Amino acid sequence: MKLYKTVAGEASARQTIEKSRFIARIKPVSSKKEADDFIEGIRKKNKDATHNVPAMVLGDKFQIQWASDDGEPQGTSGAPILYMLIREGITNVVVVVTRYFGGIKLGTGGLVRAYTGTVKLAIERASVREISEMAEMTVKIDYTFLAGLKNAAEAEDFSIENIEYKEKITVVLIVPSEKKEKIKKLVAGITSGSAKVVSERLIKC
């Protein structure tokens, strides 16, 4: 089950517009504290900058939304970045755009384009990934059924993430949550009902 989109990793991008330098840094995060720490780190590292404009979106339903213009004219930087992230469906993300003023004023529209355009470049470099709800199932099977299970994984929508060889084989299966019962029946069929599900849990990946 698809839950939400976020960026695949940390990235940065920069532009020079009318002699002002704009540097966007973006990162996937899982908590407000992680986002706050990232923002504080950028501010300390770039304390000589004219502005360090932050924005964050958290939660699979965008429950936390926050941004600041950090001294830029109201509504010209932080808010447009925030709205762009939400419009693109990107969450669990923090971004800071650092600006070094070059002496030429850009106007309201120019500022909006400069800030959002730089963030778009950072998103492209980070790339966007979809996060899905998956079921992780640990299953014990006899050695004779491993080849059949591997063949099934190639044909069906699940993967074998780990194999442990002991008296019996323990395998970890990653299955789309909505197909969990279907895959359980498939494994039971392959193993003539002898497979034992040791544990199962829902994960995001």
N, C-alpha and C. Protein backbone atom coordinates (compact mmCIF):
# COMPACT_ATOMS: atom_id res chain seq x y z
N MET A 1 0.84 -1.20 0.00
CA MET A 1 0.00 0.00 0.00
C MET A 1 0.88 1.25 0.00
N LYS A 2 0.70 2.09 -1.00
CA LYS A 2 1.47 3.33 -1.08
C LYS A 2 1.01 4.29 0.02
N LEU A 3 1.96 4.82 0.79
CA LEU A 3 1.63 5.71 1.90
C LEU A 3 1.89 7.17 1.57
N TYR A 4 3.10 7.47 1.10
CA TYR A 4 3.46 8.85 0.81
C TYR A 4 4.74 8.89 -0.01
N LYS A 5 5.11 10.10 -0.43
CA LYS A 5 6.37 10.31 -1.15
C LYS A 5 7.30 11.15 -0.28
N THR A 6 8.59 10.88 -0.40
CA THR A 6 9.61 11.69 0.26
C THR A 6 10.84 11.70 -0.63
N VAL A 7 11.88 12.42 -0.20
CA VAL A 7 13.11 12.41 -0.98
C VAL A 7 13.94 11.19 -0.60
N ALA A 8 14.69 10.68 -1.56
CA ALA A 8 15.43 9.44 -1.36
C ALA A 8 16.67 9.65 -0.49
N GLY A 9 17.19 10.86 -0.46
CA GLY A 9 18.40 11.11 0.32
C GLY A 9 18.68 12.59 0.45
N GLU A 10 19.75 12.91 1.15
CA GLU A 10 20.13 14.32 1.33
C GLU A 10 20.79 14.85 0.06
N ALA A 11 20.49 16.10 -0.28
CA ALA A 11 21.07 16.68 -1.49
C ALA A 11 21.09 18.20 -1.36
N SER A 12 21.82 18.84 -2.26
CA SER A 12 21.87 20.30 -2.27
C SER A 12 21.92 20.79 -3.71
N ALA A 13 21.52 22.03 -3.89
CA ALA A 13 21.58 22.67 -5.21
C ALA A 13 21.77 24.16 -5.01
N ARG A 14 22.35 24.81 -5.99
CA ARG A 14 22.59 26.25 -5.85
C ARG A 14 22.35 26.97 -7.16
N GLN A 15 21.96 28.22 -7.03
CA GLN A 15 21.76 29.10 -8.18
C GLN A 15 22.27 30.49 -7.81
N THR A 16 22.74 31.23 -8.82
CA THR A 16 23.05 32.65 -8.65
C THR A 16 22.06 33.43 -9.51
N ILE A 17 21.28 34.29 -8.83
CA ILE A 17 20.25 35.06 -9.52
C ILE A 17 20.46 36.53 -9.17
N GLU A 18 20.73 37.35 -10.19
CA GLU A 18 20.96 38.78 -9.96
C GLU A 18 21.99 39.00 -8.84
N LYS A 19 23.07 38.23 -8.92
CA LYS A 19 24.21 38.33 -8.00
C LYS A 19 23.94 37.77 -6.60
N SER A 20 22.69 37.36 -6.29
CA SER A 20 22.41 36.70 -5.02
C SER A 20 22.63 35.20 -5.18
N ARG A 21 23.28 34.59 -4.19
CA ARG A 21 23.51 33.15 -4.22
C ARG A 21 22.44 32.45 -3.37
N PHE A 22 21.78 31.47 -3.96
CA PHE A 22 20.77 30.67 -3.27
C PHE A 22 21.26 29.23 -3.20
N ILE A 23 21.30 28.67 -1.99
CA ILE A 23 21.78 27.30 -1.78
C ILE A 23 20.69 26.54 -1.03
N ALA A 24 20.10 25.55 -1.68
CA ALA A 24 19.05 24.73 -1.05
C ALA A 24 19.64 23.41 -0.58
N ARG A 25 19.33 23.06 0.65
CA ARG A 25 19.74 21.77 1.20
C ARG A 25 18.49 21.04 1.67
N ILE A 26 18.34 19.79 1.27
CA ILE A 26 17.13 19.03 1.56
C ILE A 26 17.50 17.67 2.14
N LYS A 27 16.64 17.16 3.02
CA LYS A 27 16.94 15.89 3.69
C LYS A 27 15.65 15.19 4.09
N PRO A 28 15.57 13.86 3.95
CA PRO A 28 14.43 13.12 4.49
C PRO A 28 14.57 13.01 6.01
N VAL A 29 13.50 13.19 6.74
CA VAL A 29 13.53 13.11 8.20
C VAL A 29 12.32 12.33 8.69
N SER A 30 12.42 11.83 9.92
CA SER A 30 11.33 11.05 10.49
C SER A 30 10.72 11.69 11.73
N SER A 31 11.28 12.84 12.17
CA SER A 31 10.75 13.50 13.36
C SER A 31 11.02 15.00 13.30
N LYS A 32 10.25 15.75 14.08
CA LYS A 32 10.44 17.20 14.13
C LYS A 32 11.81 17.54 14.72
N LYS A 33 12.24 16.76 15.71
CA LYS A 33 13.55 17.02 16.31
C LYS A 33 14.67 16.87 15.27
N GLU A 34 14.56 15.84 14.45
CA GLU A 34 15.57 15.64 13.40
C GLU A 34 15.58 16.82 12.43
N ALA A 35 14.37 17.30 12.10
CA ALA A 35 14.27 18.46 11.20
C ALA A 35 14.84 19.70 11.86
N ASP A 36 14.48 19.92 13.13
CA ASP A 36 14.99 21.09 13.87
C ASP A 36 16.51 21.07 13.96
N ASP A 37 17.08 19.90 14.22
CA ASP A 37 18.54 19.78 14.33
C ASP A 37 19.21 20.09 12.99
N PHE A 38 18.60 19.65 11.90
CA PHE A 38 19.14 19.93 10.57
C PHE A 38 19.13 21.43 10.31
N ILE A 39 18.00 22.08 10.61
CA ILE A 39 17.87 23.53 10.40
C ILE A 39 18.90 24.28 11.23
N GLU A 40 19.04 23.90 12.50
CA GLU A 40 19.99 24.57 13.38
C GLU A 40 21.42 24.40 12.87
N GLY A 41 21.73 23.20 12.37
CA GLY A 41 23.07 22.95 11.85
C GLY A 41 23.39 23.83 10.64
N ILE A 42 22.41 23.99 9.76
CA ILE A 42 22.61 24.84 8.58
C ILE A 42 22.78 26.30 9.00
N ARG A 43 21.98 26.73 9.96
CA ARG A 43 22.08 28.12 10.43
C ARG A 43 23.45 28.40 11.05
N LYS A 44 23.96 27.48 11.82
CA LYS A 44 25.27 27.67 12.44
C LYS A 44 26.37 27.68 11.39
N LYS A 45 26.26 26.77 10.43
CA LYS A 45 27.27 26.67 9.39
C LYS A 45 27.27 27.89 8.48
N ASN A 46 26.10 28.51 8.31
CA ASN A 46 25.97 29.65 7.40
C ASN A 46 25.47 30.89 8.14
N LYS A 47 26.05 31.14 9.31
CA LYS A 47 25.59 32.26 10.12
C LYS A 47 25.93 33.61 9.49
N ASP A 48 26.83 33.62 8.50
CA ASP A 48 27.16 34.87 7.81
C ASP A 48 26.21 35.15 6.65
N ALA A 49 25.26 34.24 6.38
CA ALA A 49 24.33 34.42 5.27
C ALA A 49 23.31 35.51 5.59
N THR A 50 22.74 36.08 4.56
CA THR A 50 21.69 37.09 4.74
C THR A 50 20.42 36.45 5.28
N HIS A 51 20.07 35.26 4.76
CA HIS A 51 18.87 34.54 5.21
C HIS A 51 19.13 33.04 5.16
N ASN A 52 18.53 32.32 6.10
CA ASN A 52 18.47 30.85 6.07
C ASN A 52 16.99 30.48 6.21
N VAL A 53 16.34 30.24 5.10
CA VAL A 53 14.88 30.05 5.07
C VAL A 53 14.56 28.56 5.21
N PRO A 54 13.87 28.15 6.30
CA PRO A 54 13.57 26.74 6.52
C PRO A 54 12.11 26.40 6.23
N ALA A 55 11.88 25.12 5.92
CA ALA A 55 10.52 24.59 5.79
C ALA A 55 10.57 23.10 6.09
N MET A 56 9.49 22.59 6.68
CA MET A 56 9.41 21.15 6.94
C MET A 56 7.98 20.67 6.78
N VAL A 57 7.84 19.43 6.34
CA VAL A 57 6.56 18.74 6.28
C VAL A 57 6.77 17.35 6.87
N LEU A 58 5.90 16.96 7.81
CA LEU A 58 6.05 15.67 8.48
C LEU A 58 4.71 14.96 8.58
N GLY A 59 4.76 13.64 8.53
CA GLY A 59 3.57 12.82 8.69
C GLY A 59 3.02 12.34 7.36
N ASP A 60 2.48 11.12 7.35
CA ASP A 60 1.98 10.57 6.10
C ASP A 60 0.74 11.29 5.59
N LYS A 61 0.13 12.11 6.46
CA LYS A 61 -1.00 12.95 6.04
C LYS A 61 -0.64 14.44 6.19
N PHE A 62 0.66 14.74 6.16
CA PHE A 62 1.16 16.12 6.24
C PHE A 62 0.70 16.81 7.53
N GLN A 63 0.74 16.08 8.65
CA GLN A 63 0.22 16.61 9.91
C GLN A 63 1.00 17.81 10.41
N ILE A 64 2.30 17.84 10.20
CA ILE A 64 3.12 18.98 10.65
C ILE A 64 3.60 19.75 9.42
N GLN A 65 3.26 21.02 9.37
CA GLN A 65 3.69 21.90 8.28
C GLN A 65 4.21 23.18 8.92
N TRP A 66 5.45 23.53 8.61
CA TRP A 66 6.03 24.74 9.22
C TRP A 66 7.07 25.34 8.29
N ALA A 67 7.12 26.66 8.28
CA ALA A 67 8.12 27.38 7.49
C ALA A 67 8.32 28.76 8.07
N SER A 68 9.44 29.36 7.73
CA SER A 68 9.74 30.73 8.17
C SER A 68 10.37 31.49 7.00
N ASP A 69 10.05 32.79 6.91
CA ASP A 69 10.67 33.63 5.88
C ASP A 69 12.04 34.14 6.31
N ASP A 70 12.37 34.00 7.59
CA ASP A 70 13.69 34.37 8.12
C ASP A 70 14.13 35.76 7.64
N GLY A 71 13.24 36.72 7.75
CA GLY A 71 13.62 38.10 7.43
C GLY A 71 13.30 38.54 6.02
N GLU A 72 12.99 37.61 5.13
CA GLU A 72 12.55 38.00 3.79
C GLU A 72 11.12 38.57 3.90
N PRO A 73 10.66 39.35 2.91
CA PRO A 73 9.29 39.86 2.94
C PRO A 73 8.29 38.71 3.12
N GLN A 74 7.28 38.96 3.94
CA GLN A 74 6.33 37.91 4.31
C GLN A 74 5.71 37.23 3.07
N GLY A 75 5.73 35.88 3.09
CA GLY A 75 5.10 35.11 2.03
C GLY A 75 5.91 34.96 0.77
N THR A 76 7.19 35.36 0.79
CA THR A 76 7.99 35.29 -0.44
C THR A 76 8.97 34.13 -0.48
N SER A 77 9.12 33.40 0.63
CA SER A 77 10.16 32.37 0.64
C SER A 77 9.71 31.09 1.35
N GLY A 78 9.58 31.15 2.68
CA GLY A 78 9.23 29.94 3.43
C GLY A 78 7.89 29.34 3.02
N ALA A 79 6.85 30.18 2.98
CA ALA A 79 5.51 29.68 2.64
C ALA A 79 5.46 29.09 1.22
N PRO A 80 6.00 29.77 0.20
CA PRO A 80 5.98 29.15 -1.13
C PRO A 80 6.70 27.80 -1.20
N ILE A 81 7.82 27.67 -0.46
CA ILE A 81 8.52 26.39 -0.42
C ILE A 81 7.61 25.32 0.19
N LEU A 82 6.97 25.67 1.32
CA LEU A 82 6.08 24.74 2.00
C LEU A 82 4.94 24.30 1.09
N TYR A 83 4.29 25.26 0.43
CA TYR A 83 3.17 24.93 -0.45
C TYR A 83 3.61 24.06 -1.61
N MET A 84 4.82 24.30 -2.10
CA MET A 84 5.33 23.49 -3.21
C MET A 84 5.54 22.04 -2.78
N LEU A 85 6.11 21.84 -1.60
CA LEU A 85 6.32 20.48 -1.10
C LEU A 85 4.99 19.74 -0.96
N ILE A 86 3.99 20.44 -0.40
CA ILE A 86 2.68 19.82 -0.21
C ILE A 86 2.01 19.53 -1.55
N ARG A 87 2.12 20.47 -2.47
CA ARG A 87 1.52 20.30 -3.79
C ARG A 87 2.13 19.10 -4.52
N GLU A 88 3.44 18.88 -4.32
CA GLU A 88 4.13 17.76 -4.95
C GLU A 88 3.90 16.46 -4.20
N GLY A 89 3.22 16.54 -3.04
CA GLY A 89 2.93 15.33 -2.26
C GLY A 89 4.14 14.80 -1.52
N ILE A 90 5.11 15.66 -1.22
CA ILE A 90 6.35 15.24 -0.55
C ILE A 90 6.26 15.56 0.93
N THR A 91 6.51 14.56 1.78
CA THR A 91 6.46 14.75 3.22
C THR A 91 7.67 14.07 3.88
N ASN A 92 7.71 14.17 5.22
CA ASN A 92 8.87 13.68 5.98
C ASN A 92 10.16 14.23 5.39
N VAL A 93 10.17 15.56 5.25
CA VAL A 93 11.29 16.23 4.59
C VAL A 93 11.53 17.59 5.25
N VAL A 94 12.78 18.01 5.27
CA VAL A 94 13.15 19.34 5.74
C VAL A 94 14.04 19.98 4.68
N VAL A 95 13.89 21.28 4.51
CA VAL A 95 14.71 22.00 3.54
C VAL A 95 15.09 23.35 4.11
N VAL A 96 16.30 23.79 3.83
CA VAL A 96 16.75 25.13 4.19
C VAL A 96 17.39 25.76 2.95
N VAL A 97 16.93 26.96 2.60
CA VAL A 97 17.55 27.69 1.50
C VAL A 97 18.33 28.87 2.08
N THR A 98 19.63 28.84 1.86
CA THR A 98 20.52 29.90 2.32
C THR A 98 20.68 30.92 1.20
N ARG A 99 20.54 32.21 1.57
CA ARG A 99 20.71 33.27 0.57
C ARG A 99 21.81 34.23 1.01
N TYR A 100 22.72 34.49 0.09
CA TYR A 100 23.71 35.55 0.26
C TYR A 100 23.31 36.67 -0.69
N PHE A 101 22.87 37.77 -0.12
CA PHE A 101 22.33 38.88 -0.91
C PHE A 101 23.41 39.51 -1.78
N GLY A 102 23.07 39.72 -3.06
CA GLY A 102 24.05 40.25 -4.02
C GLY A 102 23.90 41.72 -4.32
N GLY A 103 22.96 42.39 -3.64
CA GLY A 103 22.83 43.84 -3.83
C GLY A 103 21.71 44.27 -4.74
N ILE A 104 21.07 43.31 -5.41
CA ILE A 104 19.97 43.65 -6.32
C ILE A 104 18.68 43.02 -5.79
N LYS A 105 17.67 43.85 -5.55
CA LYS A 105 16.39 43.34 -5.06
C LYS A 105 15.65 42.62 -6.17
N LEU A 106 15.01 41.50 -5.83
CA LEU A 106 14.35 40.66 -6.83
C LEU A 106 12.85 40.91 -6.92
N GLY A 107 12.28 41.59 -5.94
CA GLY A 107 10.83 41.79 -5.94
C GLY A 107 10.12 40.54 -5.44
N THR A 108 8.84 40.68 -5.14
CA THR A 108 8.08 39.57 -4.56
C THR A 108 8.08 38.34 -5.46
N GLY A 109 7.71 38.52 -6.71
CA GLY A 109 7.67 37.38 -7.64
C GLY A 109 9.03 36.77 -7.87
N GLY A 110 10.05 37.61 -7.95
CA GLY A 110 11.40 37.11 -8.17
C GLY A 110 11.90 36.27 -7.01
N LEU A 111 11.56 36.70 -5.78
CA LEU A 111 11.96 35.94 -4.61
C LEU A 111 11.28 34.57 -4.58
N VAL A 112 9.98 34.55 -4.85
CA VAL A 112 9.24 33.28 -4.87
C VAL A 112 9.86 32.32 -5.87
N ARG A 113 10.14 32.81 -7.07
CA ARG A 113 10.72 31.96 -8.11
C ARG A 113 12.12 31.49 -7.73
N ALA A 114 12.89 32.37 -7.14
CA ALA A 114 14.26 32.01 -6.77
C ALA A 114 14.29 30.92 -5.70
N TYR A 115 13.47 31.09 -4.66
CA TYR A 115 13.47 30.11 -3.57
C TYR A 115 12.88 28.78 -4.02
N THR A 116 11.71 28.81 -4.66
CA THR A 116 11.09 27.54 -5.06
C THR A 116 11.89 26.86 -6.17
N GLY A 117 12.46 27.65 -7.07
CA GLY A 117 13.26 27.07 -8.15
C GLY A 117 14.50 26.36 -7.64
N THR A 118 15.14 26.93 -6.62
CA THR A 118 16.33 26.29 -6.05
C THR A 118 15.96 25.01 -5.33
N VAL A 119 14.82 25.02 -4.63
CA VAL A 119 14.37 23.81 -3.95
C VAL A 119 14.03 22.72 -4.97
N LYS A 120 13.41 23.09 -6.07
CA LYS A 120 13.10 22.10 -7.11
C LYS A 120 14.36 21.41 -7.62
N LEU A 121 15.42 22.20 -7.79
CA LEU A 121 16.70 21.62 -8.23
C LEU A 121 17.22 20.62 -7.19
N ALA A 122 17.09 20.97 -5.90
CA ALA A 122 17.55 20.07 -4.84
C ALA A 122 16.72 18.79 -4.81
N ILE A 123 15.41 18.91 -5.03
CA ILE A 123 14.54 17.72 -5.06
C ILE A 123 14.94 16.81 -6.21
N GLU A 124 15.25 17.40 -7.37
CA GLU A 124 15.67 16.59 -8.52
C GLU A 124 16.96 15.84 -8.22
N ARG A 125 17.87 16.49 -7.52
CA ARG A 125 19.13 15.83 -7.19
C ARG A 125 18.94 14.75 -6.13
N ALA A 126 18.03 15.00 -5.19
CA ALA A 126 17.78 14.01 -4.15
C ALA A 126 16.99 12.83 -4.69
N SER A 127 16.12 13.10 -5.67
CA SER A 127 15.15 12.18 -6.26
C SER A 127 14.04 11.84 -5.26
N VAL A 128 12.88 11.55 -5.81
CA VAL A 128 11.70 11.28 -4.99
C VAL A 128 11.42 9.79 -4.98
N ARG A 129 11.08 9.27 -3.80
CA ARG A 129 10.74 7.85 -3.70
C ARG A 129 9.40 7.69 -2.99
N GLU A 130 8.69 6.64 -3.35
CA GLU A 130 7.42 6.33 -2.71
C GLU A 130 7.65 5.39 -1.54
N ILE A 131 7.01 5.67 -0.42
CA ILE A 131 7.09 4.83 0.76
C ILE A 131 5.80 4.00 0.83
N SER A 132 5.95 2.70 0.97
CA SER A 132 4.80 1.81 1.02
C SER A 132 4.76 1.07 2.36
N GLU A 133 3.57 0.64 2.74
CA GLU A 133 3.43 -0.21 3.91
C GLU A 133 3.61 -1.65 3.46
N MET A 134 4.55 -2.34 4.08
CA MET A 134 4.86 -3.72 3.71
C MET A 134 4.74 -4.61 4.93
N ALA A 135 4.55 -5.89 4.69
CA ALA A 135 4.55 -6.88 5.77
C ALA A 135 5.88 -7.63 5.73
N GLU A 136 6.53 -7.70 6.87
CA GLU A 136 7.75 -8.49 7.01
C GLU A 136 7.39 -9.79 7.71
N MET A 137 7.55 -10.92 7.03
CA MET A 137 7.19 -12.21 7.60
C MET A 137 8.42 -13.10 7.71
N THR A 138 8.65 -13.64 8.89
CA THR A 138 9.72 -14.60 9.09
C THR A 138 9.11 -16.00 9.08
N VAL A 139 9.61 -16.84 8.17
CA VAL A 139 8.99 -18.15 7.94
C VAL A 139 10.06 -19.24 8.00
N LYS A 140 9.70 -20.37 8.65
CA LYS A 140 10.59 -21.53 8.68
C LYS A 140 10.07 -22.57 7.69
N ILE A 141 10.99 -23.09 6.86
CA ILE A 141 10.62 -24.10 5.88
C ILE A 141 11.69 -25.19 5.82
N ASP A 142 11.34 -26.33 5.25
CA ASP A 142 12.32 -27.39 5.02
C ASP A 142 13.19 -27.01 3.82
N TYR A 143 14.39 -27.56 3.80
CA TYR A 143 15.35 -27.26 2.74
C TYR A 143 14.79 -27.56 1.35
N THR A 144 13.97 -28.60 1.26
CA THR A 144 13.47 -29.03 -0.06
C THR A 144 12.56 -28.01 -0.72
N PHE A 145 12.06 -27.04 0.06
CA PHE A 145 11.10 -26.09 -0.51
C PHE A 145 11.73 -24.73 -0.87
N LEU A 146 13.04 -24.58 -0.61
CA LEU A 146 13.66 -23.27 -0.83
C LEU A 146 13.66 -22.87 -2.32
N ALA A 147 13.98 -23.81 -3.18
CA ALA A 147 14.03 -23.49 -4.61
C ALA A 147 12.65 -23.04 -5.11
N GLY A 148 11.61 -23.73 -4.67
CA GLY A 148 10.25 -23.36 -5.07
C GLY A 148 9.86 -21.98 -4.56
N LEU A 149 10.30 -21.66 -3.33
CA LEU A 149 10.00 -20.34 -2.78
C LEU A 149 10.72 -19.25 -3.55
N LYS A 150 11.97 -19.51 -3.93
CA LYS A 150 12.73 -18.54 -4.72
C LYS A 150 12.08 -18.31 -6.08
N ASN A 151 11.61 -19.38 -6.70
CA ASN A 151 10.93 -19.24 -7.99
C ASN A 151 9.65 -18.42 -7.85
N ALA A 152 8.93 -18.64 -6.77
CA ALA A 152 7.69 -17.90 -6.52
C ALA A 152 7.97 -16.42 -6.31
N ALA A 153 9.08 -16.12 -5.63
CA ALA A 153 9.43 -14.71 -5.37
C ALA A 153 9.72 -13.97 -6.66
N GLU A 154 10.27 -14.68 -7.66
CA GLU A 154 10.55 -14.06 -8.95
C GLU A 154 9.26 -13.79 -9.73
N ALA A 155 8.27 -14.64 -9.51
CA ALA A 155 7.02 -14.51 -10.27
C ALA A 155 5.98 -13.65 -9.57
N GLU A 156 6.01 -13.63 -8.25
CA GLU A 156 5.01 -12.90 -7.47
C GLU A 156 5.59 -11.60 -6.91
N ASP A 157 4.72 -10.83 -6.27
CA ASP A 157 5.11 -9.50 -5.77
C ASP A 157 5.60 -9.57 -4.33
N PHE A 158 6.71 -10.30 -4.10
CA PHE A 158 7.35 -10.29 -2.78
C PHE A 158 8.82 -10.60 -2.95
N SER A 159 9.60 -10.34 -1.91
CA SER A 159 11.04 -10.57 -2.00
C SER A 159 11.53 -11.35 -0.79
N ILE A 160 12.63 -12.07 -0.99
CA ILE A 160 13.30 -12.78 0.10
C ILE A 160 14.49 -11.93 0.52
N GLU A 161 14.45 -11.41 1.74
CA GLU A 161 15.48 -10.47 2.20
C GLU A 161 16.61 -11.15 2.95
N ASN A 162 16.32 -12.29 3.57
CA ASN A 162 17.36 -12.94 4.37
C ASN A 162 17.08 -14.44 4.43
N ILE A 163 18.14 -15.24 4.38
CA ILE A 163 18.01 -16.69 4.50
C ILE A 163 19.00 -17.18 5.56
N GLU A 164 18.50 -17.92 6.54
CA GLU A 164 19.35 -18.46 7.61
C GLU A 164 19.26 -19.98 7.56
N TYR A 165 20.41 -20.62 7.43
CA TYR A 165 20.46 -22.07 7.27
C TYR A 165 20.79 -22.73 8.61
N LYS A 166 19.81 -23.44 9.17
CA LYS A 166 20.04 -24.21 10.40
C LYS A 166 19.40 -25.58 10.20
N GLU A 167 18.80 -26.13 11.26
CA GLU A 167 18.11 -27.42 11.11
C GLU A 167 17.02 -27.29 10.05
N LYS A 168 16.32 -26.15 10.10
CA LYS A 168 15.41 -25.76 9.03
C LYS A 168 15.87 -24.41 8.49
N ILE A 169 15.32 -24.01 7.38
CA ILE A 169 15.68 -22.71 6.80
C ILE A 169 14.71 -21.66 7.30
N THR A 170 15.26 -20.54 7.76
CA THR A 170 14.43 -19.41 8.15
C THR A 170 14.60 -18.32 7.11
N VAL A 171 13.51 -17.88 6.53
CA VAL A 171 13.56 -16.84 5.50
C VAL A 171 12.73 -15.64 5.95
N VAL A 172 13.19 -14.45 5.56
CA VAL A 172 12.44 -13.22 5.82
C VAL A 172 11.86 -12.75 4.51
N LEU A 173 10.53 -12.66 4.46
CA LEU A 173 9.83 -12.23 3.25
C LEU A 173 9.30 -10.82 3.43
N ILE A 174 9.46 -9.99 2.41
CA ILE A 174 8.89 -8.65 2.40
C ILE A 174 7.77 -8.63 1.38
N VAL A 175 6.55 -8.36 1.87
CA VAL A 175 5.34 -8.53 1.07
C VAL A 175 4.49 -7.26 1.15
N PRO A 176 3.91 -6.79 0.05
CA PRO A 176 2.95 -5.68 0.14
C PRO A 176 1.86 -6.05 1.15
N SER A 177 1.56 -5.14 2.07
CA SER A 177 0.66 -5.47 3.18
C SER A 177 -0.69 -5.98 2.70
N GLU A 178 -1.18 -5.44 1.59
CA GLU A 178 -2.50 -5.86 1.11
C GLU A 178 -2.47 -7.25 0.49
N LYS A 179 -1.26 -7.80 0.24
CA LYS A 179 -1.15 -9.13 -0.36
C LYS A 179 -0.63 -10.17 0.64
N LYS A 180 -0.61 -9.80 1.90
CA LYS A 180 -0.03 -10.68 2.92
C LYS A 180 -0.72 -12.05 2.97
N GLU A 181 -2.05 -12.05 3.02
CA GLU A 181 -2.77 -13.32 3.13
C GLU A 181 -2.60 -14.17 1.87
N LYS A 182 -2.56 -13.52 0.72
CA LYS A 182 -2.35 -14.24 -0.54
C LYS A 182 -1.00 -14.95 -0.54
N ILE A 183 0.04 -14.25 -0.08
CA ILE A 183 1.39 -14.84 -0.07
C ILE A 183 1.48 -15.94 0.97
N LYS A 184 0.78 -15.78 2.09
CA LYS A 184 0.76 -16.85 3.10
C LYS A 184 0.20 -18.15 2.50
N LYS A 185 -0.89 -18.00 1.74
CA LYS A 185 -1.50 -19.18 1.11
C LYS A 185 -0.56 -19.77 0.06
N LEU A 186 0.15 -18.88 -0.66
CA LEU A 186 1.10 -19.35 -1.66
C LEU A 186 2.21 -20.16 -1.02
N VAL A 187 2.77 -19.66 0.08
CA VAL A 187 3.85 -20.35 0.80
C VAL A 187 3.34 -21.67 1.35
N ALA A 188 2.13 -21.67 1.87
CA ALA A 188 1.55 -22.92 2.38
C ALA A 188 1.42 -23.95 1.27
N GLY A 189 1.02 -23.48 0.09
CA GLY A 189 0.90 -24.40 -1.04
C GLY A 189 2.22 -24.97 -1.48
N ILE A 190 3.26 -24.11 -1.54
CA ILE A 190 4.59 -24.54 -1.96
C ILE A 190 5.15 -25.58 -1.00
N THR A 191 4.89 -25.40 0.30
CA THR A 191 5.49 -26.26 1.34
C THR A 191 4.54 -27.35 1.82
N SER A 192 3.46 -27.56 1.09
CA SER A 192 2.46 -28.58 1.48
C SER A 192 1.94 -28.35 2.90
N GLY A 193 1.84 -27.06 3.26
CA GLY A 193 1.29 -26.70 4.57
C GLY A 193 2.26 -26.82 5.73
N SER A 194 3.53 -27.13 5.45
CA SER A 194 4.49 -27.36 6.54
C SER A 194 5.21 -26.08 6.99
N ALA A 195 5.09 -24.99 6.23
CA ALA A 195 5.77 -23.75 6.60
C ALA A 195 5.19 -23.20 7.90
N LYS A 196 6.07 -22.62 8.71
CA LYS A 196 5.64 -22.04 9.98
C LYS A 196 6.01 -20.55 9.99
N VAL A 197 4.99 -19.70 10.14
CA VAL A 197 5.25 -18.25 10.26
C VAL A 197 5.69 -17.96 11.69
N VAL A 198 6.95 -17.59 11.87
CA VAL A 198 7.51 -17.34 13.20
C VAL A 198 7.09 -15.98 13.73
N SER A 199 7.12 -14.97 12.82
CA SER A 199 6.73 -13.61 13.24
C SER A 199 6.32 -12.82 12.02
N GLU A 200 5.55 -11.77 12.26
CA GLU A 200 5.18 -10.86 11.18
C GLU A 200 4.92 -9.49 11.78
N ARG A 201 5.25 -8.45 10.99
CA ARG A 201 5.03 -7.08 11.42
C ARG A 201 4.91 -6.18 10.19
N LEU A 202 4.29 -5.03 10.39
CA LEU A 202 4.18 -4.05 9.31
C LEU A 202 5.36 -3.10 9.36
N ILE A 203 5.94 -2.80 8.21
CA ILE A 203 7.06 -1.88 8.13
C ILE A 203 6.81 -0.90 7.00
N LYS A 204 7.58 0.19 6.99
CA LYS A 204 7.52 1.15 5.89
C LYS A 204 8.83 1.10 5.12
N CYS A 205 8.71 1.00 3.80
CA CYS A 205 9.94 0.96 3.01
C CYS A 205 9.63 1.38 1.57
